[in-house]
Amino acid sequence: MIRFGVIGTNWITDRFLAAAKLVEDFELTAVYSRTKERAEIFAEKHQATSVFSDLNDFASSDQFDAVYIASPTALHAEQAILCMENGKHAFVEKPFASNEREVGRMIEVARANQVLLMEGMKTTHMPNFGVLQIFRTRKPIVFRHGMIVRSVKG
């Protein structure tokens, strides 16, 4: 079982949770929002047990193992870094961060804390992305069941 906390109580988080709840090993246990009232409303809607309006308390909580971050982009790096420094895996909605420097720091912190850092970008796993790769590399891509299997030297 992977216990998730969320940062961001918006429509994109609602959609993420709707999909995540289809995974047997997923459990939403913690919600962070800048206001406690908003966190409580969102937690009740999604049956989460813990609510936070202080980001440091949220990040240091033992109530979750991984965090889904769907806040404004300008906050992604700061929030992900704080959570990863507290041993949490971070799944960050796109865009990943505001600039390359922030991304570099996020990767550095993930490595130092041996946690997973991932951007929520499904398009790189879609067949149409593989078609773009064909044009970029001029190498055909092999597809099976809608998935890119491997590049073929051509």
C-alpha atoms as a PDB file:
ATOM      1  CA  MET A   1       0.000   0.000   0.000  1.00  0.00           C
ATOM      2  CA  ILE A   2       1.302   3.444  -0.919  1.00  0.00           C
ATOM      3  CA  ARG A   3      -0.106   6.248   1.168  1.00  0.00           C
ATOM      4  CA  PHE A   4      -0.374   9.561  -0.672  1.00  0.00           C
ATOM      5  CA  GLY A   5      -0.672  13.121   0.464  1.00  0.00           C
ATOM      6  CA  VAL A   6      -1.767  15.864  -1.911  1.00  0.00           C
ATOM      7  CA  ILE A   7      -0.828  19.495  -2.284  1.00  0.00           C
ATOM      8  CA  GLY A   8      -3.454  21.271  -4.326  1.00  0.00           C
ATOM      9  CA  THR A   9      -7.190  20.980  -3.801  1.00  0.00           C
ATOM     10  CA  ASN A  10      -8.304  21.671  -7.334  1.00  0.00           C
ATOM     11  CA  TRP A  11      -9.925  19.969 -10.327  1.00  0.00           C
ATOM     12  CA  ILE A  12      -6.660  18.402 -11.551  1.00  0.00           C
ATOM     13  CA  THR A  13      -6.176  16.770  -8.142  1.00  0.00           C
ATOM     14  CA  ASP A  14      -9.765  15.505  -8.316  1.00  0.00           C
ATOM     15  CA  ARG A  15      -8.972  13.880 -11.675  1.00  0.00           C
ATOM     16  CA  PHE A  16      -5.700  12.399 -10.399  1.00  0.00           C
ATOM     17  CA  LEU A  17      -7.467  10.915  -7.387  1.00  0.00           C
ATOM     18  CA  ALA A  18     -10.287   9.473  -9.496  1.00  0.00           C
ATOM     19  CA  ALA A  19      -7.699   7.579 -11.555  1.00  0.00           C
ATOM     20  CA  ALA A  20      -5.448   6.700  -8.614  1.00  0.00           C
ATOM     21  CA  LYS A  21      -8.312   5.145  -6.676  1.00  0.00           C
ATOM     22  CA  LEU A  22      -8.567   2.524  -9.416  1.00  0.00           C
ATOM     23  CA  VAL A  23      -5.174   1.237  -8.231  1.00  0.00           C
ATOM     24  CA  GLU A  24      -5.597  -1.300  -5.458  1.00  0.00           C
ATOM     25  CA  ASP A  25      -2.449  -0.236  -3.570  1.00  0.00           C
ATOM     26  CA  PHE A  26      -3.298   3.489  -3.487  1.00  0.00           C
ATOM     27  CA  GLU A  27      -4.595   5.264  -0.405  1.00  0.00           C
ATOM     28  CA  LEU A  28      -5.100   9.005   0.083  1.00  0.00           C
ATOM     29  CA  THR A  29      -4.243   9.794   3.693  1.00  0.00           C
ATOM     30  CA  ALA A  30      -3.273  13.495   3.850  1.00  0.00           C
ATOM     31  CA  VAL A  31      -4.351  16.798   2.319  1.00  0.00           C
ATOM     32  CA  TYR A  32      -2.499  20.122   2.441  1.00  0.00           C
ATOM     33  CA  SER A  33      -4.121  23.432   1.624  1.00  0.00           C
ATOM     34  CA  ARG A  34      -3.222  26.982   2.617  1.00  0.00           C
ATOM     35  CA  THR A  35      -6.484  27.120   4.565  1.00  0.00           C
ATOM     36  CA  LYS A  36      -7.571  24.465   7.010  1.00  0.00           C
ATOM     37  CA  GLU A  37     -11.210  24.795   5.921  1.00  0.00           C
ATOM     38  CA  ARG A  38     -10.359  24.019   2.301  1.00  0.00           C
ATOM     39  CA  ALA A  39      -8.191  21.067   3.371  1.00  0.00           C
ATOM     40  CA  GLU A  40     -11.024  19.683   5.502  1.00  0.00           C
ATOM     41  CA  ILE A  41     -13.591  19.982   2.697  1.00  0.00           C
ATOM     42  CA  PHE A  42     -11.264  18.284   0.204  1.00  0.00           C
ATOM     43  CA  ALA A  43     -10.271  15.554   2.689  1.00  0.00           C
ATOM     44  CA  GLU A  44     -13.898  14.773   3.461  1.00  0.00           C
ATOM     45  CA  LYS A  45     -14.734  14.636  -0.250  1.00  0.00           C
ATOM     46  CA  HIS A  46     -11.937  12.091  -0.837  1.00  0.00           C
ATOM     47  CA  GLN A  47     -11.990  10.255   2.520  1.00  0.00           C
ATOM     48  CA  ALA A  48      -8.527  11.387   3.635  1.00  0.00           C
ATOM     49  CA  THR A  49      -7.831  11.145   7.354  1.00  0.00           C
ATOM     50  CA  SER A  50      -5.296  13.952   7.925  1.00  0.00           C
ATOM     51  CA  VAL A  51      -5.469  17.636   7.035  1.00  0.00           C
ATOM     52  CA  PHE A  52      -2.754  20.268   7.131  1.00  0.00           C
ATOM     53  CA  SER A  53      -2.544  24.003   6.572  1.00  0.00           C
ATOM     54  CA  ASP A  54       1.138  24.237   7.568  1.00  0.00           C
ATOM     55  CA  LEU A  55       3.461  22.950   4.844  1.00  0.00           C
ATOM     56  CA  ASN A  56       6.275  22.011   7.252  1.00  0.00           C
ATOM     57  CA  ASP A  57       3.880  19.951   9.380  1.00  0.00           C
ATOM     58  CA  PHE A  58       2.556  18.275   6.240  1.00  0.00           C
ATOM     59  CA  ALA A  59       6.018  17.425   4.877  1.00  0.00           C
ATOM     60  CA  SER A  60       7.262  16.026   8.191  1.00  0.00           C
ATOM     61  CA  SER A  61       4.115  13.986   8.812  1.00  0.00           C
ATOM     62  CA  ASP A  62       4.341  10.208   9.020  1.00  0.00           C
ATOM     63  CA  GLN A  63       0.823   9.920   7.552  1.00  0.00           C
ATOM     64  CA  PHE A  64       1.964   9.464   3.933  1.00  0.00           C
ATOM     65  CA  ASP A  65       4.819   8.058   1.837  1.00  0.00           C
ATOM     66  CA  ALA A  66       4.440  10.005  -1.414  1.00  0.00           C
ATOM     67  CA  VAL A  67       3.035  13.358  -2.422  1.00  0.00           C
ATOM     68  CA  TYR A  68       1.147  14.500  -5.500  1.00  0.00           C
ATOM     69  CA  ILE A  69       1.813  18.201  -6.107  1.00  0.00           C
ATOM     70  CA  ALA A  70      -0.713  20.172  -8.172  1.00  0.00           C
ATOM     71  CA  SER A  71      -0.165  23.669  -6.853  1.00  0.00           C
ATOM     72  CA  PRO A  72       0.830  26.735  -8.906  1.00  0.00           C
ATOM     73  CA  THR A  73       4.028  26.015 -10.866  1.00  0.00           C
ATOM     74  CA  ALA A  74       6.010  28.660  -8.990  1.00  0.00           C
ATOM     75  CA  LEU A  75       5.590  26.552  -5.812  1.00  0.00           C
ATOM     76  CA  HIS A  76       6.413  23.110  -7.242  1.00  0.00           C
ATOM     77  CA  ALA A  77      10.159  23.116  -6.552  1.00  0.00           C
ATOM     78  CA  GLU A  78       9.928  24.471  -3.009  1.00  0.00           C
ATOM     79  CA  GLN A  79       7.157  22.057  -2.052  1.00  0.00           C
ATOM     80  CA  ALA A  80       8.731  19.018  -3.715  1.00  0.00           C
ATOM     81  CA  ILE A  81      12.133  19.722  -2.156  1.00  0.00           C
ATOM     82  CA  LEU A  82      10.660  20.094   1.314  1.00  0.00           C
ATOM     83  CA  CYS A  83       8.726  16.833   0.981  1.00  0.00           C
ATOM     84  CA  MET A  84      11.698  14.928  -0.458  1.00  0.00           C
ATOM     85  CA  GLU A  85      13.962  16.217   2.315  1.00  0.00           C
ATOM     86  CA  ASN A  86      11.447  14.580   4.640  1.00  0.00           C
ATOM     87  CA  GLY A  87      11.743  11.243   2.822  1.00  0.00           C
ATOM     88  CA  LYS A  88       8.638  11.524   0.640  1.00  0.00           C
ATOM     89  CA  HIS A  89       8.475  10.455  -3.002  1.00  0.00           C
ATOM     90  CA  ALA A  90       7.228  13.324  -5.191  1.00  0.00           C
ATOM     91  CA  PHE A  91       4.916  13.169  -8.190  1.00  0.00           C
ATOM     92  CA  VAL A  92       4.798  16.710  -9.549  1.00  0.00           C
ATOM     93  CA  GLU A  93       2.203  17.925 -12.008  1.00  0.00           C
ATOM     94  CA  LYS A  94       3.446  19.573 -15.189  1.00  0.00           C
ATOM     95  CA  PRO A  95       5.094  21.895 -15.710  1.00  0.00           C
ATOM     96  CA  PHE A  96       7.645  20.358 -13.377  1.00  0.00           C
ATOM     97  CA  ALA A  97       9.207  23.617 -12.188  1.00  0.00           C
ATOM     98  CA  SER A  98       9.683  27.237 -13.192  1.00  0.00           C
ATOM     99  CA  ASN A  99      13.181  26.869 -14.629  1.00  0.00           C
ATOM    100  CA  GLU A 100      16.113  24.540 -15.230  1.00  0.00           C
ATOM    101  CA  ARG A 101      17.882  25.555 -12.019  1.00  0.00           C
ATOM    102  CA  GLU A 102      14.887  24.453  -9.943  1.00  0.00           C
ATOM    103  CA  VAL A 103      14.704  21.131 -11.785  1.00  0.00           C
ATOM    104  CA  GLY A 104      18.411  20.533 -11.139  1.00  0.00           C
ATOM    105  CA  ARG A 105      17.954  21.190  -7.428  1.00  0.00           C
ATOM    106  CA  MET A 106      14.900  18.899  -7.286  1.00  0.00           C
ATOM    107  CA  ILE A 107      16.866  16.063  -8.898  1.00  0.00           C
ATOM    108  CA  GLU A 108      19.785  16.647  -6.541  1.00  0.00           C
ATOM    109  CA  VAL A 109      17.517  16.443  -3.467  1.00  0.00           C
ATOM    110  CA  ALA A 110      15.754  13.320  -4.784  1.00  0.00           C
ATOM    111  CA  ARG A 111      19.093  11.570  -5.243  1.00  0.00           C
ATOM    112  CA  ALA A 112      20.412  12.678  -1.850  1.00  0.00           C
ATOM    113  CA  ASN A 113      17.289  11.374  -0.110  1.00  0.00           C
ATOM    114  CA  GLN A 114      16.889   8.259  -2.287  1.00  0.00           C
ATOM    115  CA  VAL A 115      13.314   9.070  -3.218  1.00  0.00           C
ATOM    116  CA  LEU A 116      11.464   8.960  -6.517  1.00  0.00           C
ATOM    117  CA  LEU A 117      10.825  12.257  -8.302  1.00  0.00           C
ATOM    118  CA  MET A 118       8.466  12.174 -11.267  1.00  0.00           C
ATOM    119  CA  GLU A 119       6.725  14.657 -13.520  1.00  0.00           C
ATOM    120  CA  GLY A 120       3.101  13.969 -14.352  1.00  0.00           C
ATOM    121  CA  MET A 121       3.533  13.939 -18.108  1.00  0.00           C
ATOM    122  CA  LYS A 122       1.674  11.161 -19.863  1.00  0.00           C
ATOM    123  CA  THR A 123       2.289  12.470 -23.377  1.00  0.00           C
ATOM    124  CA  THR A 124       5.740  10.880 -23.557  1.00  0.00           C
ATOM    125  CA  HIS A 125       4.026   7.480 -23.236  1.00  0.00           C
ATOM    126  CA  MET A 126       1.474   8.077 -25.965  1.00  0.00           C
ATOM    127  CA  PRO A 127       1.885   6.683 -29.506  1.00  0.00           C
ATOM    128  CA  ASN A 128       1.792  10.146 -31.066  1.00  0.00           C
ATOM    129  CA  PHE A 129       4.931  11.096 -29.121  1.00  0.00           C
ATOM    130  CA  GLY A 130       6.675   8.147 -30.751  1.00  0.00           C
ATOM    131  CA  VAL A 131       5.714   9.509 -34.151  1.00  0.00           C
ATOM    132  CA  LEU A 132       7.403  12.793 -33.248  1.00  0.00           C
ATOM    133  CA  GLN A 133      10.508  10.825 -32.255  1.00  0.00           C
ATOM    134  CA  ILE A 134      10.612   9.286 -35.726  1.00  0.00           C
ATOM    135  CA  PHE A 135      10.871  12.742 -37.259  1.00  0.00           C
ATOM    136  CA  ARG A 136      13.400  13.957 -34.684  1.00  0.00           C
ATOM    137  CA  THR A 137      15.739  10.965 -34.873  1.00  0.00           C
ATOM    138  CA  ARG A 138      14.799   9.676 -38.314  1.00  0.00           C
ATOM    139  CA  LYS A 139      14.642   6.218 -36.725  1.00  0.00           C
ATOM    140  CA  PRO A 140      11.399   4.248 -36.822  1.00  0.00           C
ATOM    141  CA  ILE A 141       9.716   3.367 -33.537  1.00  0.00           C
ATOM    142  CA  VAL A 142       8.175  -0.067 -32.918  1.00  0.00           C
ATOM    143  CA  PHE A 143       4.731   0.040 -31.319  1.00  0.00           C
ATOM    144  CA  ARG A 144       2.919  -2.825 -29.597  1.00  0.00           C
ATOM    145  CA  HIS A 145      -0.527  -2.394 -28.096  1.00  0.00           C
ATOM    146  CA  GLY A 146      -0.209   1.374 -28.285  1.00  0.00           C
ATOM    147  CA  MET A 147       3.121   1.432 -26.428  1.00  0.00           C
ATOM    148  CA  ILE A 148       6.552   2.357 -27.713  1.00  0.00           C
ATOM    149  CA  VAL A 149       8.640  -0.807 -27.491  1.00  0.00           C
ATOM    150  CA  ARG A 150      11.987   0.283 -28.970  1.00  0.00           C
ATOM    151  CA  SER A 151      13.686   2.338 -31.603  1.00  0.00           C
ATOM    152  CA  VAL A 152      14.878   0.547 -34.692  1.00  0.00           C
ATOM    153  CA  LYS A 153      18.138   1.636 -36.244  1.00  0.00           C
ATOM    154  CA  GLY A 154      17.375   2.831 -39.673  1.00  0.00           C
END
